[in-house]
Amino acid sequence: MPNIKPISELRNNANEISDYCHQFQEPVFITKNGTGDMVVLSIEEYEKQQAIISLFEKLAIAEIEAEAGPGADFESFAKELRGTING
């Protein structure tokens, strides 16, 4: 069950909300005038979520490349790259 607090609670009890986010590794949803406004999340949890998103992006790209068929073999690629670098 999500933890939902009014914005006044964030203003009055920021330390307790921070402690909750760190202790339970869960976000706190903040409402303003009864409507969702923002999410408070520990930096550690935010970074973990960003890493997962980045991984899924890389996997999606790899999947598209795999469906496109085989690419150049490594030796050919390395030879071409060396030629580009060395002129």
PDB file of N, CA and C in Angstrom:
ATOM      1  N   MET A   1       0.847  -1.175   0.000  1.00  0.00           N
ATOM      2  CA  MET A   1       0.000   0.000   0.000  1.00  0.00           C
ATOM      3  C   MET A   1       0.895   1.241   0.000  1.00  0.00           C
ATOM      4  N   PRO A   2       0.686   2.147  -0.941  1.00  0.00           N
ATOM      5  CA  PRO A   2       1.541   3.333  -0.996  1.00  0.00           C
ATOM      6  C   PRO A   2       1.357   4.242   0.210  1.00  0.00           C
ATOM      7  N   ASN A   3       2.434   4.902   0.583  1.00  0.00           N
ATOM      8  CA  ASN A   3       2.415   5.850   1.690  1.00  0.00           C
ATOM      9  C   ASN A   3       2.123   7.233   1.101  1.00  0.00           C
ATOM     10  N   ILE A   4       0.958   7.770   1.387  1.00  0.00           N
ATOM     11  CA  ILE A   4       0.504   9.042   0.822  1.00  0.00           C
ATOM     12  C   ILE A   4       0.362  10.059   1.940  1.00  0.00           C
ATOM     13  N   LYS A   5       0.981  11.229   1.743  1.00  0.00           N
ATOM     14  CA  LYS A   5       0.946  12.283   2.762  1.00  0.00           C
ATOM     15  C   LYS A   5       0.589  13.610   2.101  1.00  0.00           C
ATOM     16  N   PRO A   6      -0.113  14.483   2.824  1.00  0.00           N
ATOM     17  CA  PRO A   6      -0.349  15.839   2.290  1.00  0.00           C
ATOM     18  C   PRO A   6       0.934  16.659   2.360  1.00  0.00           C
ATOM     19  N   ILE A   7       1.014  17.675   1.538  1.00  0.00           N
ATOM     20  CA  ILE A   7       2.218  18.496   1.467  1.00  0.00           C
ATOM     21  C   ILE A   7       2.537  19.157   2.811  1.00  0.00           C
ATOM     22  N   SER A   8       1.504  19.423   3.613  1.00  0.00           N
ATOM     23  CA  SER A   8       1.752  20.016   4.936  1.00  0.00           C
ATOM     24  C   SER A   8       2.561  19.065   5.817  1.00  0.00           C
ATOM     25  N   GLU A   9       2.375  17.767   5.629  1.00  0.00           N
ATOM     26  CA  GLU A   9       3.141  16.779   6.398  1.00  0.00           C
ATOM     27  C   GLU A   9       4.614  16.821   5.998  1.00  0.00           C
ATOM     28  N   LEU A  10       4.881  17.034   4.717  1.00  0.00           N
ATOM     29  CA  LEU A  10       6.264  17.164   4.269  1.00  0.00           C
ATOM     30  C   LEU A  10       6.899  18.399   4.900  1.00  0.00           C
ATOM     31  N   ARG A  11       6.156  19.484   4.919  1.00  0.00           N
ATOM     32  CA  ARG A  11       6.667  20.729   5.489  1.00  0.00           C
ATOM     33  C   ARG A  11       6.931  20.577   6.991  1.00  0.00           C
ATOM     34  N   ASN A  12       6.026  19.911   7.697  1.00  0.00           N
ATOM     35  CA  ASN A  12       6.122  19.812   9.159  1.00  0.00           C
ATOM     36  C   ASN A  12       6.952  18.630   9.657  1.00  0.00           C
ATOM     37  N   ASN A  13       7.075  17.585   8.843  1.00  0.00           N
ATOM     38  CA  ASN A  13       7.742  16.354   9.305  1.00  0.00           C
ATOM     39  C   ASN A  13       8.719  15.813   8.260  1.00  0.00           C
ATOM     40  N   ALA A  14       9.521  16.670   7.684  1.00  0.00           N
ATOM     41  CA  ALA A  14      10.442  16.248   6.627  1.00  0.00           C
ATOM     42  C   ALA A  14      11.406  15.171   7.113  1.00  0.00           C
ATOM     43  N   ASN A  15      11.916  15.295   8.323  1.00  0.00           N
ATOM     44  CA  ASN A  15      12.866  14.302   8.843  1.00  0.00           C
ATOM     45  C   ASN A  15      12.234  12.925   8.973  1.00  0.00           C
ATOM     46  N   GLU A  16      10.993  12.872   9.435  1.00  0.00           N
ATOM     47  CA  GLU A  16      10.309  11.584   9.584  1.00  0.00           C
ATOM     48  C   GLU A  16      10.054  10.950   8.221  1.00  0.00           C
ATOM     49  N   ILE A  17       9.706  11.761   7.242  1.00  0.00           N
ATOM     50  CA  ILE A  17       9.473  11.237   5.893  1.00  0.00           C
ATOM     51  C   ILE A  17      10.785  10.719   5.310  1.00  0.00           C
ATOM     52  N   SER A  18      11.864  11.449   5.526  1.00  0.00           N
ATOM     53  CA  SER A  18      13.179  11.004   5.075  1.00  0.00           C
ATOM     54  C   SER A  18      13.549   9.675   5.729  1.00  0.00           C
ATOM     55  N   ASP A  19      13.353   9.584   7.030  1.00  0.00           N
ATOM     56  CA  ASP A  19      13.652   8.338   7.748  1.00  0.00           C
ATOM     57  C   ASP A  19      12.848   7.172   7.185  1.00  0.00           C
ATOM     58  N   TYR A  20      11.572   7.396   6.899  1.00  0.00           N
ATOM     59  CA  TYR A  20      10.710   6.355   6.335  1.00  0.00           C
ATOM     60  C   TYR A  20      11.269   5.878   4.990  1.00  0.00           C
ATOM     61  N   CYS A  21      11.619   6.836   4.120  1.00  0.00           N
ATOM     62  CA  CYS A  21      12.130   6.485   2.788  1.00  0.00           C
ATOM     63  C   CYS A  21      13.392   5.640   2.887  1.00  0.00           C
ATOM     64  N   HIS A  22      14.275   5.979   3.811  1.00  0.00           N
ATOM     65  CA  HIS A  22      15.525   5.234   3.972  1.00  0.00           C
ATOM     66  C   HIS A  22      15.289   3.881   4.637  1.00  0.00           C
ATOM     67  N   GLN A  23      14.456   3.861   5.644  1.00  0.00           N
ATOM     68  CA  GLN A  23      14.232   2.620   6.395  1.00  0.00           C
ATOM     69  C   GLN A  23      13.518   1.565   5.561  1.00  0.00           C
ATOM     70  N   PHE A  24      12.470   1.965   4.842  1.00  0.00           N
ATOM     71  CA  PHE A  24      11.655   0.994   4.110  1.00  0.00           C
ATOM     72  C   PHE A  24      11.995   0.933   2.620  1.00  0.00           C
ATOM     73  N   GLN A  25      12.900   1.797   2.169  1.00  0.00           N
ATOM     74  CA  GLN A  25      13.299   1.862   0.759  1.00  0.00           C
ATOM     75  C   GLN A  25      12.075   1.970  -0.152  1.00  0.00           C
ATOM     76  N   GLU A  26      11.143   2.810   0.253  1.00  0.00           N
ATOM     77  CA  GLU A  26       9.911   3.044  -0.495  1.00  0.00           C
ATOM     78  C   GLU A  26       9.683   4.540  -0.654  1.00  0.00           C
ATOM     79  N   PRO A  27       8.989   4.928  -1.704  1.00  0.00           N
ATOM     80  CA  PRO A  27       8.682   6.351  -1.885  1.00  0.00           C
ATOM     81  C   PRO A  27       7.519   6.788  -1.006  1.00  0.00           C
ATOM     82  N   VAL A  28       7.436   8.088  -0.788  1.00  0.00           N
ATOM     83  CA  VAL A  28       6.278   8.691  -0.133  1.00  0.00           C
ATOM     84  C   VAL A  28       5.646   9.614  -1.168  1.00  0.00           C
ATOM     85  N   PHE A  29       4.374   9.418  -1.428  1.00  0.00           N
ATOM     86  CA  PHE A  29       3.645  10.219  -2.398  1.00  0.00           C
ATOM     87  C   PHE A  29       3.056  11.432  -1.686  1.00  0.00           C
ATOM     88  N   ILE A  30       3.307  12.613  -2.237  1.00  0.00           N
ATOM     89  CA  ILE A  30       2.863  13.864  -1.626  1.00  0.00           C
ATOM     90  C   ILE A  30       1.699  14.425  -2.442  1.00  0.00           C
ATOM     91  N   THR A  31       0.641  14.795  -1.725  1.00  0.00           N
ATOM     92  CA  THR A  31      -0.516  15.391  -2.386  1.00  0.00           C
ATOM     93  C   THR A  31      -0.578  16.886  -2.089  1.00  0.00           C
ATOM     94  N   LYS A  32      -1.203  17.610  -2.994  1.00  0.00           N
ATOM     95  CA  LYS A  32      -1.425  19.040  -2.832  1.00  0.00           C
ATOM     96  C   LYS A  32      -2.878  19.285  -3.194  1.00  0.00           C
ATOM     97  N   ASN A  33      -3.631  19.786  -2.240  1.00  0.00           N
ATOM     98  CA  ASN A  33      -5.072  19.990  -2.415  1.00  0.00           C
ATOM     99  C   ASN A  33      -5.781  18.705  -2.836  1.00  0.00           C
ATOM    100  N   GLY A  34      -5.328  17.581  -2.276  1.00  0.00           N
ATOM    101  CA  GLY A  34      -5.974  16.300  -2.517  1.00  0.00           C
ATOM    102  C   GLY A  34      -5.589  15.614  -3.810  1.00  0.00           C
ATOM    103  N   THR A  35      -4.664  16.193  -4.548  1.00  0.00           N
ATOM    104  CA  THR A  35      -4.243  15.629  -5.830  1.00  0.00           C
ATOM    105  C   THR A  35      -2.763  15.292  -5.759  1.00  0.00           C
ATOM    106  N   GLY A  36      -2.356  14.198  -6.405  1.00  0.00           N
ATOM    107  CA  GLY A  36      -0.954  13.820  -6.424  1.00  0.00           C
ATOM    108  C   GLY A  36      -0.090  14.949  -6.961  1.00  0.00           C
ATOM    109  N   ASP A  37       1.025  15.229  -6.288  1.00  0.00           N
ATOM    110  CA  ASP A  37       1.875  16.346  -6.678  1.00  0.00           C
ATOM    111  C   ASP A  37       3.315  15.921  -6.921  1.00  0.00           C
ATOM    112  N   MET A  38       3.890  15.111  -6.022  1.00  0.00           N
ATOM    113  CA  MET A  38       5.283  14.697  -6.191  1.00  0.00           C
ATOM    114  C   MET A  38       5.554  13.440  -5.379  1.00  0.00           C
ATOM    115  N   VAL A  39       6.762  12.912  -5.575  1.00  0.00           N
ATOM    116  CA  VAL A  39       7.185  11.701  -4.882  1.00  0.00           C
ATOM    117  C   VAL A  39       8.506  11.988  -4.197  1.00  0.00           C
ATOM    118  N   VAL A  40       8.636  11.569  -2.942  1.00  0.00           N
ATOM    119  CA  VAL A  40       9.884  11.707  -2.196  1.00  0.00           C
ATOM    120  C   VAL A  40      10.501  10.315  -2.125  1.00  0.00           C
ATOM    121  N   LEU A  41      11.803  10.247  -2.484  1.00  0.00           N
ATOM    122  CA  LEU A  41      12.473   8.968  -2.588  1.00  0.00           C
ATOM    123  C   LEU A  41      13.927   9.156  -2.134  1.00  0.00           C
ATOM    124  N   SER A  42      14.495   8.171  -1.464  1.00  0.00           N
ATOM    125  CA  SER A  42      15.900   8.282  -1.065  1.00  0.00           C
ATOM    126  C   SER A  42      16.783   8.288  -2.314  1.00  0.00           C
ATOM    127  N   ILE A  43      17.932   8.904  -2.208  1.00  0.00           N
ATOM    128  CA  ILE A  43      18.856   8.958  -3.347  1.00  0.00           C
ATOM    129  C   ILE A  43      19.275   7.548  -3.752  1.00  0.00           C
ATOM    130  N   GLU A  44      19.520   6.682  -2.773  1.00  0.00           N
ATOM    131  CA  GLU A  44      19.933   5.319  -3.073  1.00  0.00           C
ATOM    132  C   GLU A  44      18.880   4.604  -3.920  1.00  0.00           C
ATOM    133  N   GLU A  45      17.628   4.729  -3.538  1.00  0.00           N
ATOM    134  CA  GLU A  45      16.550   4.079  -4.275  1.00  0.00           C
ATOM    135  C   GLU A  45      16.387   4.705  -5.657  1.00  0.00           C
ATOM    136  N   TYR A  46      16.532   6.021  -5.744  1.00  0.00           N
ATOM    137  CA  TYR A  46      16.448   6.716  -7.033  1.00  0.00           C
ATOM    138  C   TYR A  46      17.551   6.221  -7.975  1.00  0.00           C
ATOM    139  N   GLU A  47      18.786   6.138  -7.465  1.00  0.00           N
ATOM    140  CA  GLU A  47      19.896   5.681  -8.295  1.00  0.00           C
ATOM    141  C   GLU A  47      19.700   4.237  -8.737  1.00  0.00           C
ATOM    142  N   LYS A  48      19.153   3.401  -7.854  1.00  0.00           N
ATOM    143  CA  LYS A  48      18.874   2.014  -8.212  1.00  0.00           C
ATOM    144  C   LYS A  48      17.852   1.953  -9.349  1.00  0.00           C
ATOM    145  N   GLN A  49      16.803   2.750  -9.256  1.00  0.00           N
ATOM    146  CA  GLN A  49      15.784   2.771 -10.304  1.00  0.00           C
ATOM    147  C   GLN A  49      16.352   3.286 -11.622  1.00  0.00           C
ATOM    148  N   GLN A  50      17.200   4.307 -11.561  1.00  0.00           N
ATOM    149  CA  GLN A  50      17.820   4.842 -12.780  1.00  0.00           C
ATOM    150  C   GLN A  50      18.724   3.792 -13.427  1.00  0.00           C
ATOM    151  N   ALA A  51      19.452   3.017 -12.621  1.00  0.00           N
ATOM    152  CA  ALA A  51      20.319   1.963 -13.151  1.00  0.00           C
ATOM    153  C   ALA A  51      19.485   0.882 -13.842  1.00  0.00           C
ATOM    154  N   ILE A  52      18.349   0.544 -13.262  1.00  0.00           N
ATOM    155  CA  ILE A  52      17.470  -0.461 -13.862  1.00  0.00           C
ATOM    156  C   ILE A  52      16.921   0.049 -15.198  1.00  0.00           C
ATOM    157  N   ILE A  53      16.515   1.305 -15.231  1.00  0.00           N
ATOM    158  CA  ILE A  53      16.013   1.894 -16.475  1.00  0.00           C
ATOM    159  C   ILE A  53      17.101   1.872 -17.541  1.00  0.00           C
ATOM    160  N   SER A  54      18.318   2.245 -17.171  1.00  0.00           N
ATOM    161  CA  SER A  54      19.438   2.243 -18.114  1.00  0.00           C
ATOM    162  C   SER A  54      19.697   0.836 -18.645  1.00  0.00           C
ATOM    163  N   LEU A  55      19.644  -0.150 -17.770  1.00  0.00           N
ATOM    164  CA  LEU A  55      19.851  -1.535 -18.180  1.00  0.00           C
ATOM    165  C   LEU A  55      18.781  -1.964 -19.180  1.00  0.00           C
ATOM    166  N   PHE A  56      17.517  -1.645 -18.899  1.00  0.00           N
ATOM    167  CA  PHE A  56      16.444  -2.015 -19.818  1.00  0.00           C
ATOM    168  C   PHE A  56      16.596  -1.321 -21.175  1.00  0.00           C
ATOM    169  N   GLU A  57      17.062  -0.071 -21.170  1.00  0.00           N
ATOM    170  CA  GLU A  57      17.314   0.627 -22.436  1.00  0.00           C
ATOM    171  C   GLU A  57      18.390  -0.087 -23.245  1.00  0.00           C
ATOM    172  N   LYS A  58      19.475  -0.487 -22.568  1.00  0.00           N
ATOM    173  CA  LYS A  58      20.559  -1.193 -23.255  1.00  0.00           C
ATOM    174  C   LYS A  58      20.095  -2.552 -23.770  1.00  0.00           C
ATOM    175  N   LEU A  59      19.276  -3.243 -22.979  1.00  0.00           N
ATOM    176  CA  LEU A  59      18.750  -4.538 -23.421  1.00  0.00           C
ATOM    177  C   LEU A  59      17.840  -4.384 -24.631  1.00  0.00           C
ATOM    178  N   ALA A  60      17.039  -3.325 -24.656  1.00  0.00           N
ATOM    179  CA  ALA A  60      16.152  -3.079 -25.796  1.00  0.00           C
ATOM    180  C   ALA A  60      16.971  -2.819 -27.056  1.00  0.00           C
ATOM    181  N   ILE A  61      18.030  -2.030 -26.932  1.00  0.00           N
ATOM    182  CA  ILE A  61      18.901  -1.760 -28.078  1.00  0.00           C
ATOM    183  C   ILE A  61      19.559  -3.052 -28.559  1.00  0.00           C
ATOM    184  N   ALA A  62      20.048  -3.855 -27.632  1.00  0.00           N
ATOM    185  CA  ALA A  62      20.694  -5.118 -27.990  1.00  0.00           C
ATOM    186  C   ALA A  62      19.707  -6.059 -28.676  1.00  0.00           C
ATOM    187  N   GLU A  63      18.479  -6.060 -28.215  1.00  0.00           N
ATOM    188  CA  GLU A  63      17.455  -6.916 -28.817  1.00  0.00           C
ATOM    189  C   GLU A  63      17.169  -6.489 -30.260  1.00  0.00           C
ATOM    190  N   ILE A  64      17.081  -5.187 -30.486  1.00  0.00           N
ATOM    191  CA  ILE A  64      16.850  -4.663 -31.842  1.00  0.00           C
ATOM    192  C   ILE A  64      18.027  -5.027 -32.748  1.00  0.00           C
ATOM    193  N   GLU A  65      19.247  -4.869 -32.231  1.00  0.00           N
ATOM    194  CA  GLU A  65      20.429  -5.207 -33.014  1.00  0.00           C
ATOM    195  C   GLU A  65      20.485  -6.701 -33.325  1.00  0.00           C
ATOM    196  N   ALA A  66      20.096  -7.546 -32.369  1.00  0.00           N
ATOM    197  CA  ALA A  66      20.105  -8.994 -32.584  1.00  0.00           C
ATOM    198  C   ALA A  66      19.082  -9.390 -33.639  1.00  0.00           C
ATOM    199  N   GLU A  67      17.931  -8.736 -33.646  1.00  0.00           N
ATOM    200  CA  GLU A  67      16.898  -9.032 -34.644  1.00  0.00           C
ATOM    201  C   GLU A  67      17.315  -8.578 -36.037  1.00  0.00           C
ATOM    202  N   ALA A  68      18.204  -7.583 -36.114  1.00  0.00           N
ATOM    203  CA  ALA A  68      18.647  -7.059 -37.401  1.00  0.00           C
ATOM    204  C   ALA A  68      19.609  -8.019 -38.099  1.00  0.00           C
ATOM    205  N   GLY A  69      20.075  -9.025 -37.400  1.00  0.00           N
ATOM    206  CA  GLY A  69      20.977  -9.994 -38.013  1.00  0.00           C
ATOM    207  C   GLY A  69      22.383  -9.839 -37.481  1.00  0.00           C
ATOM    208  N   PRO A  70      23.255 -10.735 -37.924  1.00  0.00           N
ATOM    209  CA  PRO A  70      24.623 -10.699 -37.418  1.00  0.00           C
ATOM    210  C   PRO A  70      25.362  -9.455 -37.888  1.00  0.00           C
ATOM    211  N   GLY A  71      26.194  -8.962 -37.029  1.00  0.00           N
ATOM    212  CA  GLY A  71      27.013  -7.794 -37.359  1.00  0.00           C
ATOM    213  C   GLY A  71      28.364  -8.246 -37.881  1.00  0.00           C
ATOM    214  N   ALA A  72      29.275  -7.342 -37.998  1.00  0.00           N
ATOM    215  CA  ALA A  72      30.619  -7.661 -38.460  1.00  0.00           C
ATOM    216  C   ALA A  72      31.348  -8.467 -37.386  1.00  0.00           C
ATOM    217  N   ASP A  73      32.226  -9.355 -37.834  1.00  0.00           N
ATOM    218  CA  ASP A  73      32.995 -10.095 -36.843  1.00  0.00           C
ATOM    219  C   ASP A  73      34.042  -9.166 -36.221  1.00  0.00           C
ATOM    220  N   PHE A  74      34.539  -9.545 -35.066  1.00  0.00           N
ATOM    221  CA  PHE A  74      35.413  -8.664 -34.296  1.00  0.00           C
ATOM    222  C   PHE A  74      36.700  -8.334 -35.045  1.00  0.00           C
ATOM    223  N   GLU A  75      37.316  -9.318 -35.692  1.00  0.00           N
ATOM    224  CA  GLU A  75      38.588  -9.076 -36.362  1.00  0.00           C
ATOM    225  C   GLU A  75      38.451  -8.046 -37.477  1.00  0.00           C
ATOM    226  N   SER A  76      37.389  -8.138 -38.255  1.00  0.00           N
ATOM    227  CA  SER A  76      37.155  -7.161 -39.323  1.00  0.00           C
ATOM    228  C   SER A  76      36.921  -5.773 -38.742  1.00  0.00           C
ATOM    229  N   PHE A  77      36.144  -5.723 -37.680  1.00  0.00           N
ATOM    230  CA  PHE A  77      35.855  -4.446 -37.026  1.00  0.00           C
ATOM    231  C   PHE A  77      37.125  -3.828 -36.462  1.00  0.00           C
ATOM    232  N   ALA A  78      37.932  -4.633 -35.786  1.00  0.00           N
ATOM    233  CA  ALA A  78      39.170  -4.143 -35.177  1.00  0.00           C
ATOM    234  C   ALA A  78      40.136  -3.648 -36.255  1.00  0.00           C
ATOM    235  N   LYS A  79      40.239  -4.380 -37.374  1.00  0.00           N
ATOM    236  CA  LYS A  79      41.125  -3.983 -38.477  1.00  0.00           C
ATOM    237  C   LYS A  79      40.675  -2.629 -39.046  1.00  0.00           C
ATOM    238  N   GLU A  80      39.374  -2.478 -39.236  1.00  0.00           N
ATOM    239  CA  GLU A  80      38.830  -1.215 -39.762  1.00  0.00           C
ATOM    240  C   GLU A  80      39.074  -0.074 -38.780  1.00  0.00           C
ATOM    241  N   LEU A  81      38.876  -0.335 -37.507  1.00  0.00           N
ATOM    242  CA  LEU A  81      39.076   0.687 -36.478  1.00  0.00           C
ATOM    243  C   LEU A  81      40.550   1.106 -36.407  1.00  0.00           C
ATOM    244  N   ARG A  82      41.453   0.138 -36.457  1.00  0.00           N
ATOM    245  CA  ARG A  82      42.886   0.456 -36.451  1.00  0.00           C
ATOM    246  C   ARG A  82      43.265   1.311 -37.668  1.00  0.00           C
ATOM    247  N   GLY A  83      42.689   0.974 -38.819  1.00  0.00           N
ATOM    248  CA  GLY A  83      42.964   1.754 -40.027  1.00  0.00           C
ATOM    249  C   GLY A  83      42.480   3.181 -39.898  1.00  0.00           C
ATOM    250  N   THR A  84      41.318   3.358 -39.255  1.00  0.00           N
ATOM    251  CA  THR A  84      40.782   4.702 -39.043  1.00  0.00           C
ATOM    252  C   THR A  84      41.659   5.489 -38.084  1.00  0.00           C
ATOM    253  N   ILE A  85      42.114   4.848 -37.044  1.00  0.00           N
ATOM    254  CA  ILE A  85      42.931   5.519 -36.024  1.00  0.00           C
ATOM    255  C   ILE A  85      44.312   5.849 -36.565  1.00  0.00           C
ATOM    256  N   ASN A  86      44.916   4.903 -37.249  1.00  0.00           N
ATOM    257  CA  ASN A  86      46.304   5.061 -37.724  1.00  0.00           C
ATOM    258  C   ASN A  86      46.382   5.815 -39.051  1.00  0.00           C
ATOM    259  N   GLY A  87      45.258   6.019 -39.697  1.00  0.00           N
ATOM    260  CA  GLY A  87      45.248   6.777 -40.943  1.00  0.00           C
ATOM    261  C   GLY A  87      45.582   5.899 -42.060  1.00  0.00           C
TER     262      GLY A  87
END
